[in-house]
Amino acid sequence: MKKITVCIGSSCHLKGSRQVVEALQDYITEHDLKDKVSLSGAFCMKNCREGVSVTVDGVLFSVTPETVGSFFETEILKKL
């Protein structure tokens, strides 16, 4: 199972972590991946410079509400 963790700390919250989480939830449901992908939140991941910090199986990415669709396509769908 792929494990996605989204930072929900204050800096990432201001950069759109709520929208990123909601979009990921929608994509997981839309593609019927609830048994293949787990989604959770974490407080500060110590990478506050860019977009919202997101890890996939421990690998760190910076995602924005505008890039979450392409991120999901590239890092989740293509790797399942």
N, C-alpha and C. Protein backbone atom coordinates (compact mmCIF):
# COMPACT_ATOMS: atom_id res chain seq x y z
N MET A 1 0.84 -1.19 0.00
CA MET A 1 0.00 0.00 0.00
C MET A 1 0.88 1.24 0.00
N LYS A 2 0.57 2.20 -0.87
CA LYS A 2 1.28 3.48 -0.91
C LYS A 2 0.81 4.33 0.25
N LYS A 3 1.76 4.97 0.92
CA LYS A 3 1.42 5.83 2.06
C LYS A 3 1.72 7.28 1.70
N ILE A 4 0.67 8.10 1.64
CA ILE A 4 0.81 9.53 1.37
C ILE A 4 0.58 10.29 2.68
N THR A 5 1.52 11.16 3.02
CA THR A 5 1.38 12.00 4.21
C THR A 5 1.48 13.45 3.79
N VAL A 6 0.52 14.25 4.20
CA VAL A 6 0.47 15.67 3.85
C VAL A 6 0.71 16.50 5.10
N CYS A 7 1.61 17.48 5.01
CA CYS A 7 1.85 18.37 6.14
C CYS A 7 0.64 19.28 6.34
N ILE A 8 0.19 19.36 7.57
CA ILE A 8 -0.93 20.25 7.89
C ILE A 8 -0.50 21.28 8.94
N GLY A 9 0.81 21.51 9.03
CA GLY A 9 1.33 22.55 9.93
C GLY A 9 0.92 23.93 9.43
N SER A 10 1.18 24.95 10.24
CA SER A 10 0.68 26.29 9.91
C SER A 10 1.22 26.84 8.60
N SER A 11 2.49 26.66 8.30
CA SER A 11 3.06 27.19 7.06
C SER A 11 2.43 26.51 5.84
N CYS A 12 2.33 25.19 5.89
CA CYS A 12 1.72 24.46 4.77
C CYS A 12 0.23 24.73 4.67
N HIS A 13 -0.40 24.94 5.82
CA HIS A 13 -1.83 25.29 5.80
C HIS A 13 -2.04 26.57 4.99
N LEU A 14 -1.17 27.55 5.20
CA LEU A 14 -1.28 28.82 4.48
C LEU A 14 -1.01 28.64 2.98
N LYS A 15 -0.27 27.60 2.62
CA LYS A 15 0.07 27.34 1.21
C LYS A 15 -0.95 26.43 0.53
N GLY A 16 -1.99 26.00 1.27
CA GLY A 16 -3.06 25.24 0.65
C GLY A 16 -3.13 23.77 0.99
N SER A 17 -2.62 23.37 2.16
CA SER A 17 -2.63 21.94 2.48
C SER A 17 -4.05 21.37 2.53
N ARG A 18 -5.01 22.15 2.97
CA ARG A 18 -6.39 21.65 3.03
C ARG A 18 -6.89 21.30 1.62
N GLN A 19 -6.62 22.20 0.66
CA GLN A 19 -7.04 21.92 -0.72
C GLN A 19 -6.30 20.71 -1.30
N VAL A 20 -5.02 20.56 -0.94
CA VAL A 20 -4.24 19.40 -1.40
C VAL A 20 -4.82 18.11 -0.84
N VAL A 21 -5.13 18.10 0.46
CA VAL A 21 -5.72 16.91 1.09
C VAL A 21 -7.07 16.58 0.44
N GLU A 22 -7.92 17.59 0.27
CA GLU A 22 -9.24 17.34 -0.33
C GLU A 22 -9.12 16.82 -1.75
N ALA A 23 -8.19 17.38 -2.53
CA ALA A 23 -7.99 16.90 -3.91
C ALA A 23 -7.50 15.47 -3.91
N LEU A 24 -6.54 15.15 -3.04
CA LEU A 24 -6.02 13.77 -2.98
C LEU A 24 -7.13 12.80 -2.57
N GLN A 25 -7.97 13.19 -1.60
CA GLN A 25 -9.10 12.34 -1.21
C GLN A 25 -10.02 12.09 -2.40
N ASP A 26 -10.30 13.14 -3.16
CA ASP A 26 -11.17 13.02 -4.33
C ASP A 26 -10.55 12.09 -5.38
N TYR A 27 -9.25 12.26 -5.66
CA TYR A 27 -8.58 11.42 -6.66
C TYR A 27 -8.54 9.96 -6.23
N ILE A 28 -8.29 9.71 -4.94
CA ILE A 28 -8.25 8.34 -4.43
C ILE A 28 -9.62 7.69 -4.59
N THR A 29 -10.68 8.42 -4.27
CA THR A 29 -12.05 7.91 -4.41
C THR A 29 -12.40 7.71 -5.89
N GLU A 30 -12.10 8.72 -6.69
CA GLU A 30 -12.43 8.69 -8.13
C GLU A 30 -11.79 7.50 -8.84
N HIS A 31 -10.56 7.15 -8.44
CA HIS A 31 -9.84 6.05 -9.07
C HIS A 31 -9.98 4.74 -8.29
N ASP A 32 -10.86 4.72 -7.29
CA ASP A 32 -11.14 3.53 -6.48
C ASP A 32 -9.85 2.91 -5.92
N LEU A 33 -9.06 3.74 -5.24
CA LEU A 33 -7.76 3.30 -4.73
C LEU A 33 -7.70 3.21 -3.21
N LYS A 34 -8.85 3.20 -2.54
CA LYS A 34 -8.85 3.19 -1.08
C LYS A 34 -8.14 1.98 -0.49
N ASP A 35 -8.08 0.87 -1.25
CA ASP A 35 -7.37 -0.31 -0.75
C ASP A 35 -5.91 -0.34 -1.18
N LYS A 36 -5.46 0.66 -1.95
CA LYS A 36 -4.08 0.70 -2.43
C LYS A 36 -3.29 1.90 -1.94
N VAL A 37 -4.00 2.92 -1.43
CA VAL A 37 -3.35 4.17 -1.02
C VAL A 37 -3.91 4.60 0.33
N SER A 38 -3.00 4.92 1.27
CA SER A 38 -3.45 5.49 2.55
C SER A 38 -3.03 6.96 2.58
N LEU A 39 -3.91 7.79 3.11
CA LEU A 39 -3.68 9.23 3.18
C LEU A 39 -3.76 9.67 4.63
N SER A 40 -2.71 10.37 5.09
CA SER A 40 -2.73 10.86 6.46
C SER A 40 -2.10 12.24 6.52
N GLY A 41 -2.22 12.87 7.66
CA GLY A 41 -1.66 14.20 7.87
C GLY A 41 -0.57 14.14 8.92
N ALA A 42 0.31 15.13 8.91
CA ALA A 42 1.37 15.25 9.91
C ALA A 42 1.65 16.73 10.12
N PHE A 43 2.09 17.06 11.33
CA PHE A 43 2.49 18.44 11.57
C PHE A 43 3.92 18.63 11.11
N CYS A 44 4.36 19.84 11.03
CA CYS A 44 5.59 20.30 10.37
C CYS A 44 6.58 19.21 9.97
N MET A 45 6.85 19.18 8.67
CA MET A 45 7.79 18.22 8.10
C MET A 45 9.13 18.89 7.80
N LYS A 46 9.33 20.08 8.33
CA LYS A 46 10.60 20.81 8.25
C LYS A 46 11.03 21.15 6.82
N ASN A 47 10.06 21.38 5.93
CA ASN A 47 10.37 21.76 4.56
C ASN A 47 9.42 22.87 4.14
N CYS A 48 9.49 23.99 4.85
CA CYS A 48 8.49 25.04 4.73
C CYS A 48 8.73 26.03 3.59
N ARG A 49 9.76 25.84 2.79
CA ARG A 49 10.13 26.86 1.80
C ARG A 49 9.22 26.91 0.59
N GLU A 50 8.81 25.78 0.08
CA GLU A 50 8.14 25.77 -1.22
C GLU A 50 6.64 25.62 -1.06
N GLY A 51 6.08 24.56 -1.66
CA GLY A 51 4.64 24.33 -1.55
C GLY A 51 4.33 23.53 -0.30
N VAL A 52 3.26 22.81 -0.33
CA VAL A 52 2.84 21.95 0.76
C VAL A 52 3.73 20.70 0.74
N SER A 53 4.29 20.35 1.90
CA SER A 53 5.13 19.16 1.98
C SER A 53 4.26 17.91 1.96
N VAL A 54 4.60 16.99 1.06
CA VAL A 54 3.88 15.73 0.92
C VAL A 54 4.92 14.63 0.78
N THR A 55 4.76 13.54 1.53
CA THR A 55 5.64 12.39 1.32
C THR A 55 4.84 11.25 0.72
N VAL A 56 5.50 10.50 -0.15
CA VAL A 56 4.94 9.27 -0.70
C VAL A 56 5.95 8.18 -0.36
N ASP A 57 5.56 7.27 0.51
CA ASP A 57 6.45 6.22 0.98
C ASP A 57 7.79 6.79 1.44
N GLY A 58 7.73 7.93 2.15
CA GLY A 58 8.92 8.52 2.73
C GLY A 58 9.69 9.49 1.85
N VAL A 59 9.33 9.60 0.57
CA VAL A 59 10.01 10.53 -0.35
C VAL A 59 9.26 11.86 -0.32
N LEU A 60 10.02 12.95 -0.10
CA LEU A 60 9.42 14.27 0.08
C LEU A 60 9.20 15.01 -1.24
N PHE A 61 8.03 15.62 -1.38
CA PHE A 61 7.66 16.44 -2.53
C PHE A 61 7.08 17.75 -2.04
N SER A 62 7.12 18.78 -2.87
CA SER A 62 6.41 20.03 -2.61
C SER A 62 5.28 20.12 -3.62
N VAL A 63 4.06 20.25 -3.12
CA VAL A 63 2.87 20.23 -3.97
C VAL A 63 2.05 21.49 -3.68
N THR A 64 1.40 22.01 -4.69
CA THR A 64 0.50 23.14 -4.49
C THR A 64 -0.90 22.71 -4.93
N PRO A 65 -1.92 23.47 -4.55
CA PRO A 65 -3.26 23.12 -5.04
C PRO A 65 -3.31 23.07 -6.58
N GLU A 66 -2.47 23.85 -7.25
CA GLU A 66 -2.45 23.87 -8.71
C GLU A 66 -1.72 22.67 -9.32
N THR A 67 -0.78 22.06 -8.57
CA THR A 67 0.00 20.95 -9.13
C THR A 67 -0.41 19.59 -8.60
N VAL A 68 -1.39 19.54 -7.70
CA VAL A 68 -1.74 18.27 -7.06
C VAL A 68 -2.24 17.23 -8.08
N GLY A 69 -2.93 17.66 -9.13
CA GLY A 69 -3.42 16.72 -10.15
C GLY A 69 -2.28 16.04 -10.88
N SER A 70 -1.31 16.80 -11.35
CA SER A 70 -0.18 16.21 -12.06
C SER A 70 0.69 15.38 -11.11
N PHE A 71 0.82 15.83 -9.86
CA PHE A 71 1.54 15.07 -8.84
C PHE A 71 0.89 13.70 -8.65
N PHE A 72 -0.43 13.67 -8.51
CA PHE A 72 -1.14 12.41 -8.30
C PHE A 72 -0.94 11.48 -9.50
N GLU A 73 -1.05 12.04 -10.68
CA GLU A 73 -0.88 11.26 -11.90
C GLU A 73 0.52 10.63 -11.97
N THR A 74 1.53 11.45 -11.75
CA THR A 74 2.92 11.02 -11.89
C THR A 74 3.41 10.14 -10.75
N GLU A 75 3.14 10.56 -9.52
CA GLU A 75 3.73 9.87 -8.36
C GLU A 75 2.87 8.77 -7.77
N ILE A 76 1.57 8.76 -8.07
CA ILE A 76 0.70 7.72 -7.52
C ILE A 76 0.21 6.78 -8.62
N LEU A 77 -0.57 7.30 -9.55
CA LEU A 77 -1.17 6.43 -10.56
C LEU A 77 -0.13 5.65 -11.36
N LYS A 78 0.92 6.31 -11.82
CA LYS A 78 1.91 5.64 -12.66
C LYS A 78 2.78 4.65 -11.90
N LYS A 79 2.72 4.70 -10.56
CA LYS A 79 3.58 3.82 -9.75
C LYS A 79 2.82 2.74 -9.02
N LEU A 80 1.55 2.58 -9.34
CA LEU A 80 0.76 1.51 -8.70
C LEU A 80 0.81 0.25 -9.53
